[in-house]
Structure formats: structure tokens, C-alpha cells
PDB file of all heavy atoms in Angstrom:
ATOM      1  N   ILE A   1      -5.797   7.784   1.050  1.00  0.00           N
ATOM      2  CA  ILE A   1      -4.876   8.706   0.410  1.00  0.00           C
ATOM      3  C   ILE A   1      -3.876   9.175   1.564  1.00  0.00           C
ATOM      4  O   ILE A   1      -4.250   9.852   2.512  1.00  0.00           O
ATOM      5  CB  ILE A   1      -5.596   9.951  -0.170  1.00  0.00           C
ATOM      6  CG1 ILE A   1      -6.682   9.576  -1.125  1.00  0.00           C
ATOM      7  CG2 ILE A   1      -4.605  10.839  -0.907  1.00  0.00           C
ATOM      8  CD1 ILE A   1      -7.992  10.037  -0.759  1.00  0.00           C
ATOM      9  N   GLU A   2      -2.613   8.789   1.354  1.00  0.00           N
ATOM     10  CA  GLU A   2      -1.544   9.156   2.319  1.00  0.00           C
ATOM     11  C   GLU A   2      -0.688  10.271   1.752  1.00  0.00           C
ATOM     12  O   GLU A   2       0.015  10.063   0.657  1.00  0.00           O
ATOM     13  CB  GLU A   2      -0.719   7.899   2.625  1.00  0.00           C
ATOM     14  CG  GLU A   2      -1.529   6.745   3.254  1.00  0.00           C
ATOM     15  CD  GLU A   2      -0.706   5.510   3.424  1.00  0.00           C
ATOM     16  OE1 GLU A   2       0.444   5.409   2.809  1.00  0.00           O
ATOM     17  OE2 GLU A   2      -1.170   4.595   4.113  1.00  0.00           O
ATOM     18  N   LEU A   3      -0.736  11.441   2.344  1.00  0.00           N
ATOM     19  CA  LEU A   3      -0.044  12.622   1.780  1.00  0.00           C
ATOM     20  C   LEU A   3       1.243  12.838   2.639  1.00  0.00           C
ATOM     21  O   LEU A   3       1.289  13.709   3.513  1.00  0.00           O
ATOM     22  CB  LEU A   3      -0.956  13.822   1.876  1.00  0.00           C
ATOM     23  CG  LEU A   3      -2.286  13.667   1.214  1.00  0.00           C
ATOM     24  CD1 LEU A   3      -3.241  14.864   1.389  1.00  0.00           C
ATOM     25  CD2 LEU A   3      -2.124  13.490  -0.342  1.00  0.00           C
ATOM     26  N   MET A   4       2.249  12.049   2.345  1.00  0.00           N
ATOM     27  CA  MET A   4       3.439  12.097   3.215  1.00  0.00           C
ATOM     28  C   MET A   4       4.694  12.192   2.356  1.00  0.00           C
ATOM     29  O   MET A   4       5.584  11.345   2.355  1.00  0.00           O
ATOM     30  CB  MET A   4       3.476  10.827   4.078  1.00  0.00           C
ATOM     31  CG  MET A   4       2.246  10.665   4.943  1.00  0.00           C
ATOM     32  SD  MET A   4       2.285   9.100   5.909  1.00  0.00           S
ATOM     33  CE  MET A   4       2.189   7.899   4.677  1.00  0.00           C
ATOM     34  N   GLY A   5       4.798  13.260   1.617  1.00  0.00           N
ATOM     35  CA  GLY A   5       6.033  13.542   0.806  1.00  0.00           C
ATOM     36  C   GLY A   5       6.285  12.487  -0.181  1.00  0.00           C
ATOM     37  O   GLY A   5       5.413  11.970  -0.894  1.00  0.00           O
ATOM     38  N   ARG A   6       7.543  11.952  -0.208  1.00  0.00           N
ATOM     39  CA  ARG A   6       7.917  10.997  -1.173  1.00  0.00           C
ATOM     40  C   ARG A   6       7.353   9.615  -0.874  1.00  0.00           C
ATOM     41  O   ARG A   6       7.367   8.697  -1.653  1.00  0.00           O
ATOM     42  CB  ARG A   6       9.406  10.884  -1.297  1.00  0.00           C
ATOM     43  CG  ARG A   6      10.151  10.487   0.001  1.00  0.00           C
ATOM     44  CD  ARG A   6      11.641  10.618  -0.115  1.00  0.00           C
ATOM     45  NE  ARG A   6      12.405  10.297   1.037  1.00  0.00           N
ATOM     46  CZ  ARG A   6      12.824   9.022   1.245  1.00  0.00           C
ATOM     47  NH1 ARG A   6      12.650   8.103   0.433  1.00  0.00           N
ATOM     48  NH2 ARG A   6      13.491   8.771   2.361  1.00  0.00           N
ATOM     49  N   HIS A   7       6.727   9.464   0.342  1.00  0.00           N
ATOM     50  CA  HIS A   7       6.073   8.232   0.738  1.00  0.00           C
ATOM     51  C   HIS A   7       4.503   8.256   0.398  1.00  0.00           C
ATOM     52  O   HIS A   7       3.842   7.365   0.869  1.00  0.00           O
ATOM     53  CB  HIS A   7       6.324   7.912   2.196  1.00  0.00           C
ATOM     54  CG  HIS A   7       7.728   7.761   2.565  1.00  0.00           C
ATOM     55  ND1 HIS A   7       8.517   6.709   2.101  1.00  0.00           N
ATOM     56  CD2 HIS A   7       8.586   8.517   3.343  1.00  0.00           C
ATOM     57  CE1 HIS A   7       9.748   6.874   2.567  1.00  0.00           C
ATOM     58  NE2 HIS A   7       9.815   7.965   3.295  1.00  0.00           N
ATOM     59  N   SER A   8       4.139   9.307  -0.217  1.00  0.00           N
ATOM     60  CA  SER A   8       2.674   9.498  -0.522  1.00  0.00           C
ATOM     61  C   SER A   8       2.155   8.307  -1.369  1.00  0.00           C
ATOM     62  O   SER A   8       2.869   7.768  -2.246  1.00  0.00           O
ATOM     63  CB  SER A   8       2.381  10.774  -1.201  1.00  0.00           C
ATOM     64  OG  SER A   8       2.834  11.844  -0.406  1.00  0.00           O
ATOM     65  N   ASN A   9       0.831   7.960  -1.158  1.00  0.00           N
ATOM     66  CA  ASN A   9       0.300   6.808  -1.906  1.00  0.00           C
ATOM     67  C   ASN A   9      -1.230   6.941  -1.958  1.00  0.00           C
ATOM     68  O   ASN A   9      -1.890   7.603  -1.084  1.00  0.00           O
ATOM     69  CB  ASN A   9       0.730   5.474  -1.294  1.00  0.00           C
ATOM     70  CG  ASN A   9       0.945   4.419  -2.258  1.00  0.00           C
ATOM     71  OD1 ASN A   9       0.400   4.445  -3.376  1.00  0.00           O
ATOM     72  ND2 ASN A   9       1.786   3.461  -1.969  1.00  0.00           N
ATOM     73  N   ILE A  10      -1.794   6.341  -2.971  1.00  0.00           N
ATOM     74  CA  ILE A  10      -3.242   6.140  -3.062  1.00  0.00           C
ATOM     75  C   ILE A  10      -3.486   4.613  -3.078  1.00  0.00           C
ATOM     76  O   ILE A  10      -2.976   3.892  -3.956  1.00  0.00           O
ATOM     77  CB  ILE A  10      -3.873   6.746  -4.306  1.00  0.00           C
ATOM     78  CG1 ILE A  10      -3.630   8.279  -4.297  1.00  0.00           C
ATOM     79  CG2 ILE A  10      -5.385   6.418  -4.423  1.00  0.00           C
ATOM     80  CD1 ILE A  10      -4.019   8.926  -5.651  1.00  0.00           C
ATOM     81  N   ILE A  11      -4.178   4.115  -2.037  1.00  0.00           N
ATOM     82  CA  ILE A  11      -4.317   2.670  -1.891  1.00  0.00           C
ATOM     83  C   ILE A  11      -5.793   2.291  -1.858  1.00  0.00           C
ATOM     84  O   ILE A  11      -6.544   2.906  -1.129  1.00  0.00           O
ATOM     85  CB  ILE A  11      -3.657   2.223  -0.539  1.00  0.00           C
ATOM     86  CG1 ILE A  11      -2.167   2.621  -0.570  1.00  0.00           C
ATOM     87  CG2 ILE A  11      -3.765   0.691  -0.397  1.00  0.00           C
ATOM     88  CD1 ILE A  11      -1.466   2.477   0.801  1.00  0.00           C
ATOM     89  N   LEU A  12      -6.152   1.344  -2.681  1.00  0.00           N
ATOM     90  CA  LEU A  12      -7.553   0.913  -2.756  1.00  0.00           C
ATOM     91  C   LEU A  12      -7.663  -0.441  -1.874  1.00  0.00           C
ATOM     92  O   LEU A  12      -6.883  -1.408  -2.187  1.00  0.00           O
ATOM     93  CB  LEU A  12      -7.970   0.577  -4.228  1.00  0.00           C
ATOM     94  CG  LEU A  12      -9.371   0.143  -4.398  1.00  0.00           C
ATOM     95  CD1 LEU A  12     -10.414   1.200  -3.995  1.00  0.00           C
ATOM     96  CD2 LEU A  12      -9.630  -0.236  -5.875  1.00  0.00           C
ATOM     97  N   THR A  13      -8.526  -0.433  -0.901  1.00  0.00           N
ATOM     98  CA  THR A  13      -8.658  -1.620  -0.051  1.00  0.00           C
ATOM     99  C   THR A  13     -10.011  -2.137   0.013  1.00  0.00           C
ATOM    100  O   THR A  13     -11.015  -1.462  -0.342  1.00  0.00           O
ATOM    101  CB  THR A  13      -8.189  -1.246   1.363  1.00  0.00           C
ATOM    102  OG1 THR A  13      -9.109  -0.262   1.960  1.00  0.00           O
ATOM    103  CG2 THR A  13      -6.770  -0.661   1.417  1.00  0.00           C
ATOM    104  N   ASP A  14     -10.164  -3.364   0.449  1.00  0.00           N
ATOM    105  CA  ASP A  14     -11.404  -4.004   0.685  1.00  0.00           C
ATOM    106  C   ASP A  14     -11.648  -3.992   2.156  1.00  0.00           C
ATOM    107  O   ASP A  14     -11.017  -4.721   2.916  1.00  0.00           O
ATOM    108  CB  ASP A  14     -11.444  -5.448   0.106  1.00  0.00           C
ATOM    109  CG  ASP A  14     -12.781  -6.107   0.263  1.00  0.00           C
ATOM    110  OD1 ASP A  14     -13.737  -5.589   0.956  1.00  0.00           O
ATOM    111  OD2 ASP A  14     -12.950  -7.250  -0.298  1.00  0.00           O
ATOM    112  N   PRO A  15     -12.618  -3.162   2.674  1.00  0.00           N
ATOM    113  CA  PRO A  15     -12.828  -3.037   4.164  1.00  0.00           C
ATOM    114  C   PRO A  15     -13.254  -4.426   4.817  1.00  0.00           C
ATOM    115  O   PRO A  15     -12.941  -4.580   5.964  1.00  0.00           O
ATOM    116  CB  PRO A  15     -13.955  -2.001   4.249  1.00  0.00           C
ATOM    117  CG  PRO A  15     -13.973  -1.346   2.953  1.00  0.00           C
ATOM    118  CD  PRO A  15     -13.498  -2.262   1.961  1.00  0.00           C
ATOM    119  N   SER A  16     -13.870  -5.249   4.071  1.00  0.00           N
ATOM    120  CA  SER A  16     -14.371  -6.512   4.649  1.00  0.00           C
ATOM    121  C   SER A  16     -13.277  -7.430   5.058  1.00  0.00           C
ATOM    122  O   SER A  16     -13.245  -8.121   6.051  1.00  0.00           O
ATOM    123  CB  SER A  16     -15.289  -7.195   3.710  1.00  0.00           C
ATOM    124  OG  SER A  16     -14.669  -7.522   2.511  1.00  0.00           O
ATOM    125  N   SER A  17     -12.227  -7.411   4.281  1.00  0.00           N
ATOM    126  CA  SER A  17     -11.056  -8.279   4.551  1.00  0.00           C
ATOM    127  C   SER A  17      -9.848  -7.511   5.108  1.00  0.00           C
ATOM    128  O   SER A  17      -8.887  -8.129   5.638  1.00  0.00           O
ATOM    129  CB  SER A  17     -10.631  -9.030   3.255  1.00  0.00           C
ATOM    130  OG  SER A  17     -10.208  -8.134   2.231  1.00  0.00           O
ATOM    131  N   GLY A  18      -9.756  -6.170   4.833  1.00  0.00           N
ATOM    132  CA  GLY A  18      -8.696  -5.417   5.238  1.00  0.00           C
ATOM    133  C   GLY A  18      -7.511  -5.528   4.331  1.00  0.00           C
ATOM    134  O   GLY A  18      -6.426  -5.020   4.593  1.00  0.00           O
ATOM    135  N   ASN A  19      -7.708  -6.209   3.150  1.00  0.00           N
ATOM    136  CA  ASN A  19      -6.599  -6.374   2.190  1.00  0.00           C
ATOM    137  C   ASN A  19      -6.480  -5.286   1.184  1.00  0.00           C
ATOM    138  O   ASN A  19      -7.539  -4.640   0.850  1.00  0.00           O
ATOM    139  CB  ASN A  19      -6.753  -7.756   1.466  1.00  0.00           C
ATOM    140  CG  ASN A  19      -6.517  -8.940   2.366  1.00  0.00           C
ATOM    141  OD1 ASN A  19      -5.858  -8.753   3.472  1.00  0.00           O
ATOM    142  ND2 ASN A  19      -6.974 -10.104   2.025  1.00  0.00           N
ATOM    143  N   ILE A  20      -5.336  -5.203   0.647  1.00  0.00           N
ATOM    144  CA  ILE A  20      -5.064  -4.144  -0.371  1.00  0.00           C
ATOM    145  C   ILE A  20      -5.451  -4.743  -1.766  1.00  0.00           C
ATOM    146  O   ILE A  20      -5.066  -5.858  -2.113  1.00  0.00           O
ATOM    147  CB  ILE A  20      -3.589  -3.735  -0.390  1.00  0.00           C
ATOM    148  CG1 ILE A  20      -3.174  -3.032   0.962  1.00  0.00           C
ATOM    149  CG2 ILE A  20      -3.295  -2.846  -1.575  1.00  0.00           C
ATOM    150  CD1 ILE A  20      -1.747  -2.859   1.072  1.00  0.00           C
ATOM    151  N   LEU A  21      -6.269  -3.976  -2.540  1.00  0.00           N
ATOM    152  CA  LEU A  21      -6.537  -4.407  -3.887  1.00  0.00           C
ATOM    153  C   LEU A  21      -5.383  -3.902  -4.815  1.00  0.00           C
ATOM    154  O   LEU A  21      -5.025  -4.660  -5.772  1.00  0.00           O
ATOM    155  CB  LEU A  21      -7.865  -3.839  -4.373  1.00  0.00           C
ATOM    156  CG  LEU A  21      -9.147  -4.325  -3.539  1.00  0.00           C
ATOM    157  CD1 LEU A  21     -10.386  -3.631  -4.059  1.00  0.00           C
ATOM    158  CD2 LEU A  21      -9.273  -5.834  -3.764  1.00  0.00           C
ATOM    159  N   ASP A  22      -4.924  -2.677  -4.624  1.00  0.00           N
ATOM    160  CA  ASP A  22      -3.734  -2.214  -5.315  1.00  0.00           C
ATOM    161  C   ASP A  22      -3.398  -0.855  -4.781  1.00  0.00           C
ATOM    162  O   ASP A  22      -4.252  -0.150  -4.159  1.00  0.00           O
ATOM    163  CB  ASP A  22      -4.014  -2.192  -6.883  1.00  0.00           C
ATOM    164  CG  ASP A  22      -2.661  -2.306  -7.591  1.00  0.00           C
ATOM    165  OD1 ASP A  22      -1.570  -2.266  -6.980  1.00  0.00           O
ATOM    166  OD2 ASP A  22      -2.675  -2.440  -8.802  1.00  0.00           O
ATOM    167  N   GLY A  23      -2.229  -0.357  -5.146  1.00  0.00           N
ATOM    168  CA  GLY A  23      -1.767   0.950  -4.781  1.00  0.00           C
ATOM    169  C   GLY A  23      -1.165   1.634  -6.023  1.00  0.00           C
ATOM    170  O   GLY A  23      -0.684   0.940  -6.860  1.00  0.00           O
ATOM    171  N   ILE A  24      -1.314   2.924  -6.137  1.00  0.00           N
ATOM    172  CA  ILE A  24      -0.761   3.597  -7.266  1.00  0.00           C
ATOM    173  C   ILE A  24       0.764   3.527  -7.299  1.00  0.00           C
ATOM    174  O   ILE A  24       1.390   3.507  -8.330  1.00  0.00           O
ATOM    175  CB  ILE A  24      -1.229   5.093  -7.272  1.00  0.00           C
ATOM    176  CG1 ILE A  24      -1.015   5.734  -8.683  1.00  0.00           C
ATOM    177  CG2 ILE A  24      -0.573   5.907  -6.197  1.00  0.00           C
ATOM    178  CD1 ILE A  24      -1.687   7.064  -8.869  1.00  0.00           C
ATOM    179  N   HIS A  25       1.373   3.407  -6.057  1.00  0.00           N
ATOM    180  CA  HIS A  25       2.755   3.179  -5.981  1.00  0.00           C
ATOM    181  C   HIS A  25       3.005   1.886  -5.145  1.00  0.00           C
ATOM    182  O   HIS A  25       2.480   1.808  -4.051  1.00  0.00           O
ATOM    183  CB  HIS A  25       3.512   4.330  -5.254  1.00  0.00           C
ATOM    184  CG  HIS A  25       3.404   5.610  -6.001  1.00  0.00           C
ATOM    185  ND1 HIS A  25       3.527   6.827  -5.362  1.00  0.00           N
ATOM    186  CD2 HIS A  25       3.271   5.859  -7.279  1.00  0.00           C
ATOM    187  CE1 HIS A  25       3.452   7.769  -6.296  1.00  0.00           C
ATOM    188  NE2 HIS A  25       3.228   7.275  -7.438  1.00  0.00           N
ATOM    189  N   HIS A  26       3.667   0.885  -5.733  1.00  0.00           N
ATOM    190  CA  HIS A  26       3.903  -0.343  -4.988  1.00  0.00           C
ATOM    191  C   HIS A  26       5.129  -0.144  -3.983  1.00  0.00           C
ATOM    192  O   HIS A  26       6.119   0.431  -4.398  1.00  0.00           O
ATOM    193  CB  HIS A  26       4.219  -1.428  -5.989  1.00  0.00           C
ATOM    194  CG  HIS A  26       2.961  -1.910  -6.672  1.00  0.00           C
ATOM    195  ND1 HIS A  26       2.988  -2.856  -7.737  1.00  0.00           N
ATOM    196  CD2 HIS A  26       1.697  -1.556  -6.558  1.00  0.00           C
ATOM    197  CE1 HIS A  26       1.794  -3.085  -8.162  1.00  0.00           C
ATOM    198  NE2 HIS A  26       0.935  -2.261  -7.480  1.00  0.00           N
ATOM    199  N   VAL A  27       4.981  -0.771  -2.851  1.00  0.00           N
ATOM    200  CA  VAL A  27       6.050  -0.804  -1.837  1.00  0.00           C
ATOM    201  C   VAL A  27       6.273  -2.334  -1.596  1.00  0.00           C
ATOM    202  O   VAL A  27       5.503  -2.985  -0.986  1.00  0.00           O
ATOM    203  CB  VAL A  27       5.689  -0.109  -0.570  1.00  0.00           C
ATOM    204  CG1 VAL A  27       6.837  -0.202   0.418  1.00  0.00           C
ATOM    205  CG2 VAL A  27       5.343   1.394  -0.798  1.00  0.00           C
ATOM    206  N   THR A  28       7.421  -2.799  -2.139  1.00  0.00           N
ATOM    207  CA  THR A  28       7.786  -4.221  -2.020  1.00  0.00           C
ATOM    208  C   THR A  28       8.547  -4.466  -0.743  1.00  0.00           C
ATOM    209  O   THR A  28       9.039  -3.521  -0.141  1.00  0.00           O
ATOM    210  CB  THR A  28       8.662  -4.623  -3.251  1.00  0.00           C
ATOM    211  OG1 THR A  28       9.851  -3.875  -3.202  1.00  0.00           O
ATOM    212  CG2 THR A  28       7.899  -4.300  -4.563  1.00  0.00           C
ATOM    213  N   PRO A  29       8.699  -5.740  -0.377  1.00  0.00           N
ATOM    214  CA  PRO A  29       9.421  -6.064   0.822  1.00  0.00           C
ATOM    215  C   PRO A  29      10.940  -5.619   0.792  1.00  0.00           C
ATOM    216  O   PRO A  29      11.556  -5.333   1.822  1.00  0.00           O
ATOM    217  CB  PRO A  29       9.449  -7.633   0.862  1.00  0.00           C
ATOM    218  CG  PRO A  29       8.217  -7.969   0.117  1.00  0.00           C
ATOM    219  CD  PRO A  29       8.021  -6.980  -0.933  1.00  0.00           C
ATOM    220  N   SER A  30      11.471  -5.500  -0.421  1.00  0.00           N
ATOM    221  CA  SER A  30      12.860  -5.039  -0.549  1.00  0.00           C
ATOM    222  C   SER A  30      12.963  -3.531  -0.224  1.00  0.00           C
ATOM    223  O   SER A  30      14.011  -2.994   0.079  1.00  0.00           O
ATOM    224  CB  SER A  30      13.379  -5.321  -1.956  1.00  0.00           C
ATOM    225  OG  SER A  30      12.613  -4.583  -2.946  1.00  0.00           O
ATOM    226  N   ILE A  31      11.808  -2.800  -0.414  1.00  0.00           N
ATOM    227  CA  ILE A  31      11.773  -1.346  -0.121  1.00  0.00           C
ATOM    228  C   ILE A  31      11.528  -1.123   1.391  1.00  0.00           C
ATOM    229  O   ILE A  31      12.173  -0.255   2.034  1.00  0.00           O
ATOM    230  CB  ILE A  31      10.759  -0.647  -0.969  1.00  0.00           C
ATOM    231  CG1 ILE A  31      11.148  -0.738  -2.485  1.00  0.00           C
ATOM    232  CG2 ILE A  31      10.664   0.829  -0.602  1.00  0.00           C
ATOM    233  CD1 ILE A  31      10.086  -0.215  -3.440  1.00  0.00           C
ATOM    234  N   SER A  32      10.541  -1.832   1.964  1.00  0.00           N
ATOM    235  CA  SER A  32      10.136  -1.657   3.317  1.00  0.00           C
ATOM    236  C   SER A  32       9.788  -2.979   3.961  1.00  0.00           C
ATOM    237  O   SER A  32       8.969  -3.696   3.345  1.00  0.00           O
ATOM    238  CB  SER A  32       8.955  -0.666   3.447  1.00  0.00           C
ATOM    239  OG  SER A  32       8.452  -0.573   4.730  1.00  0.00           O
ATOM    240  N   SER A  33      10.388  -3.289   5.094  1.00  0.00           N
ATOM    241  CA  SER A  33       9.991  -4.476   5.799  1.00  0.00           C
ATOM    242  C   SER A  33       8.791  -4.237   6.782  1.00  0.00           C
ATOM    243  O   SER A  33       8.179  -5.166   7.229  1.00  0.00           O
ATOM    244  CB  SER A  33      11.194  -4.999   6.596  1.00  0.00           C
ATOM    245  OG  SER A  33      11.661  -4.062   7.495  1.00  0.00           O
ATOM    246  N   TYR A  34       8.524  -2.893   7.059  1.00  0.00           N
ATOM    247  CA  TYR A  34       7.431  -2.601   8.000  1.00  0.00           C
ATOM    248  C   TYR A  34       6.067  -2.774   7.429  1.00  0.00           C
ATOM    249  O   TYR A  34       5.175  -3.364   7.980  1.00  0.00           O
ATOM    250  CB  TYR A  34       7.683  -1.232   8.535  1.00  0.00           C
ATOM    251  CG  TYR A  34       6.554  -0.799   9.450  1.00  0.00           C
ATOM    252  CD1 TYR A  34       6.588  -1.197  10.819  1.00  0.00           C
ATOM    253  CD2 TYR A  34       5.493   0.079   9.077  1.00  0.00           C
ATOM    254  CE1 TYR A  34       5.529  -0.853  11.686  1.00  0.00           C
ATOM    255  CE2 TYR A  34       4.490   0.400   9.884  1.00  0.00           C
ATOM    256  CZ  TYR A  34       4.513  -0.003  11.220  1.00  0.00           C
ATOM    257  OH  TYR A  34       3.513   0.344  12.081  1.00  0.00           O
ATOM    258  N   ARG A  35       5.881  -2.180   6.187  1.00  0.00           N
ATOM    259  CA  ARG A  35       4.605  -2.222   5.492  1.00  0.00           C
ATOM    260  C   ARG A  35       4.763  -2.427   4.027  1.00  0.00           C
ATOM    261  O   ARG A  35       5.649  -1.805   3.399  1.00  0.00           O
ATOM    262  CB  ARG A  35       3.759  -0.964   5.812  1.00  0.00           C
ATOM    263  CG  ARG A  35       4.346   0.302   5.303  1.00  0.00           C
ATOM    264  CD  ARG A  35       3.633   1.530   5.863  1.00  0.00           C
ATOM    265  NE  ARG A  35       2.248   1.598   5.532  1.00  0.00           N
ATOM    266  CZ  ARG A  35       1.667   2.396   4.666  1.00  0.00           C
ATOM    267  NH1 ARG A  35       2.485   3.268   3.960  1.00  0.00           N
ATOM    268  NH2 ARG A  35       0.428   2.469   4.471  1.00  0.00           N
ATOM    269  N   ILE A  36       3.988  -3.356   3.515  1.00  0.00           N
ATOM    270  CA  ILE A  36       4.118  -3.702   2.105  1.00  0.00           C
ATOM    271  C   ILE A  36       2.772  -3.178   1.418  1.00  0.00           C
ATOM    272  O   ILE A  36       1.691  -3.442   1.912  1.00  0.00           O
ATOM    273  CB  ILE A  36       4.226  -5.179   1.861  1.00  0.00           C
ATOM    274  CG1 ILE A  36       5.595  -5.687   2.531  1.00  0.00           C
ATOM    275  CG2 ILE A  36       4.217  -5.557   0.354  1.00  0.00           C
ATOM    276  CD1 ILE A  36       5.725  -7.133   2.646  1.00  0.00           C
ATOM    277  N   VAL A  37       2.928  -2.480   0.308  1.00  0.00           N
ATOM    278  CA  VAL A  37       1.751  -2.054  -0.444  1.00  0.00           C
ATOM    279  C   VAL A  37       1.736  -2.787  -1.770  1.00  0.00           C
ATOM    280  O   VAL A  37       2.356  -2.348  -2.790  1.00  0.00           O
ATOM    281  CB  VAL A  37       1.740  -0.548  -0.686  1.00  0.00           C
ATOM    282  CG1 VAL A  37       0.541  -0.014  -1.504  1.00  0.00           C
ATOM    283  CG2 VAL A  37       1.788   0.215   0.667  1.00  0.00           C
ATOM    284  N   MET A  38       1.058  -3.943  -1.791  1.00  0.00           N
ATOM    285  CA  MET A  38       1.013  -4.819  -2.951  1.00  0.00           C
ATOM    286  C   MET A  38      -0.315  -5.471  -2.916  1.00  0.00           C
ATOM    287  O   MET A  38      -0.884  -5.722  -1.834  1.00  0.00           O
ATOM    288  CB  MET A  38       2.149  -5.896  -2.980  1.00  0.00           C
ATOM    289  CG  MET A  38       3.562  -5.256  -3.093  1.00  0.00           C
ATOM    290  SD  MET A  38       3.887  -4.798  -4.845  1.00  0.00           S
ATOM    291  CE  MET A  38       4.065  -6.386  -5.661  1.00  0.00           C
ATOM    292  N   PRO A  39      -0.929  -5.833  -4.070  1.00  0.00           N
ATOM    293  CA  PRO A  39      -2.284  -6.556  -4.098  1.00  0.00           C
ATOM    294  C   PRO A  39      -2.185  -7.809  -3.264  1.00  0.00           C
ATOM    295  O   PRO A  39      -1.174  -8.560  -3.302  1.00  0.00           O
ATOM    296  CB  PRO A  39      -2.461  -6.832  -5.561  1.00  0.00           C
ATOM    297  CG  PRO A  39      -1.643  -5.764  -6.326  1.00  0.00           C
ATOM    298  CD  PRO A  39      -0.395  -5.556  -5.454  1.00  0.00           C
ATOM    299  N   GLY A  40      -3.218  -7.979  -2.431  1.00  0.00           N
ATOM    300  CA  GLY A  40      -3.321  -9.235  -1.686  1.00  0.00           C
ATOM    301  C   GLY A  40      -2.795  -9.117  -0.253  1.00  0.00           C
ATOM    302  O   GLY A  40      -3.062  -9.985   0.613  1.00  0.00           O
ATOM    303  N   PHE A  41      -1.960  -8.114   0.045  1.00  0.00           N
ATOM    304  CA  PHE A  41      -1.374  -7.960   1.376  1.00  0.00           C
ATOM    305  C   PHE A  41      -2.383  -7.154   2.266  1.00  0.00           C
ATOM    306  O   PHE A  41      -3.174  -6.315   1.797  1.00  0.00           O
ATOM    307  CB  PHE A  41      -0.072  -7.206   1.296  1.00  0.00           C
ATOM    308  CG  PHE A  41       1.111  -8.056   0.884  1.00  0.00           C
ATOM    309  CD1 PHE A  41       1.303  -8.283  -0.443  1.00  0.00           C
ATOM    310  CD2 PHE A  41       1.939  -8.681   1.763  1.00  0.00           C
ATOM    311  CE1 PHE A  41       2.356  -9.083  -0.930  1.00  0.00           C
ATOM    312  CE2 PHE A  41       2.950  -9.470   1.366  1.00  0.00           C
ATOM    313  CZ  PHE A  41       3.145  -9.691  -0.004  1.00  0.00           C
TER     314      PHE A  41
END
């Protein structure tokens, strides 16, 4: 749970692989080149 104003997000991850299962708010490459919040990343 990232509580950072308009960048806040809830992200479900798999600790064994470190991959994202999904986020309540998606962050695509067109929004941010630094970090992507999408399933599989």
C-alpha cells in the first residue's frame, strides 16, 4: 500500500518471483518510464 497522494496505489505481488499480480491503479509505460504497475511486470 503506497500512500503518496495522487500516486497512491494498492499492489498485489508474488514475493517468490517479485512480479506484480495486479494494481488497483495501473501505471503504463506511457505514464511512467521509471516504474510500471501492470500484471506480469
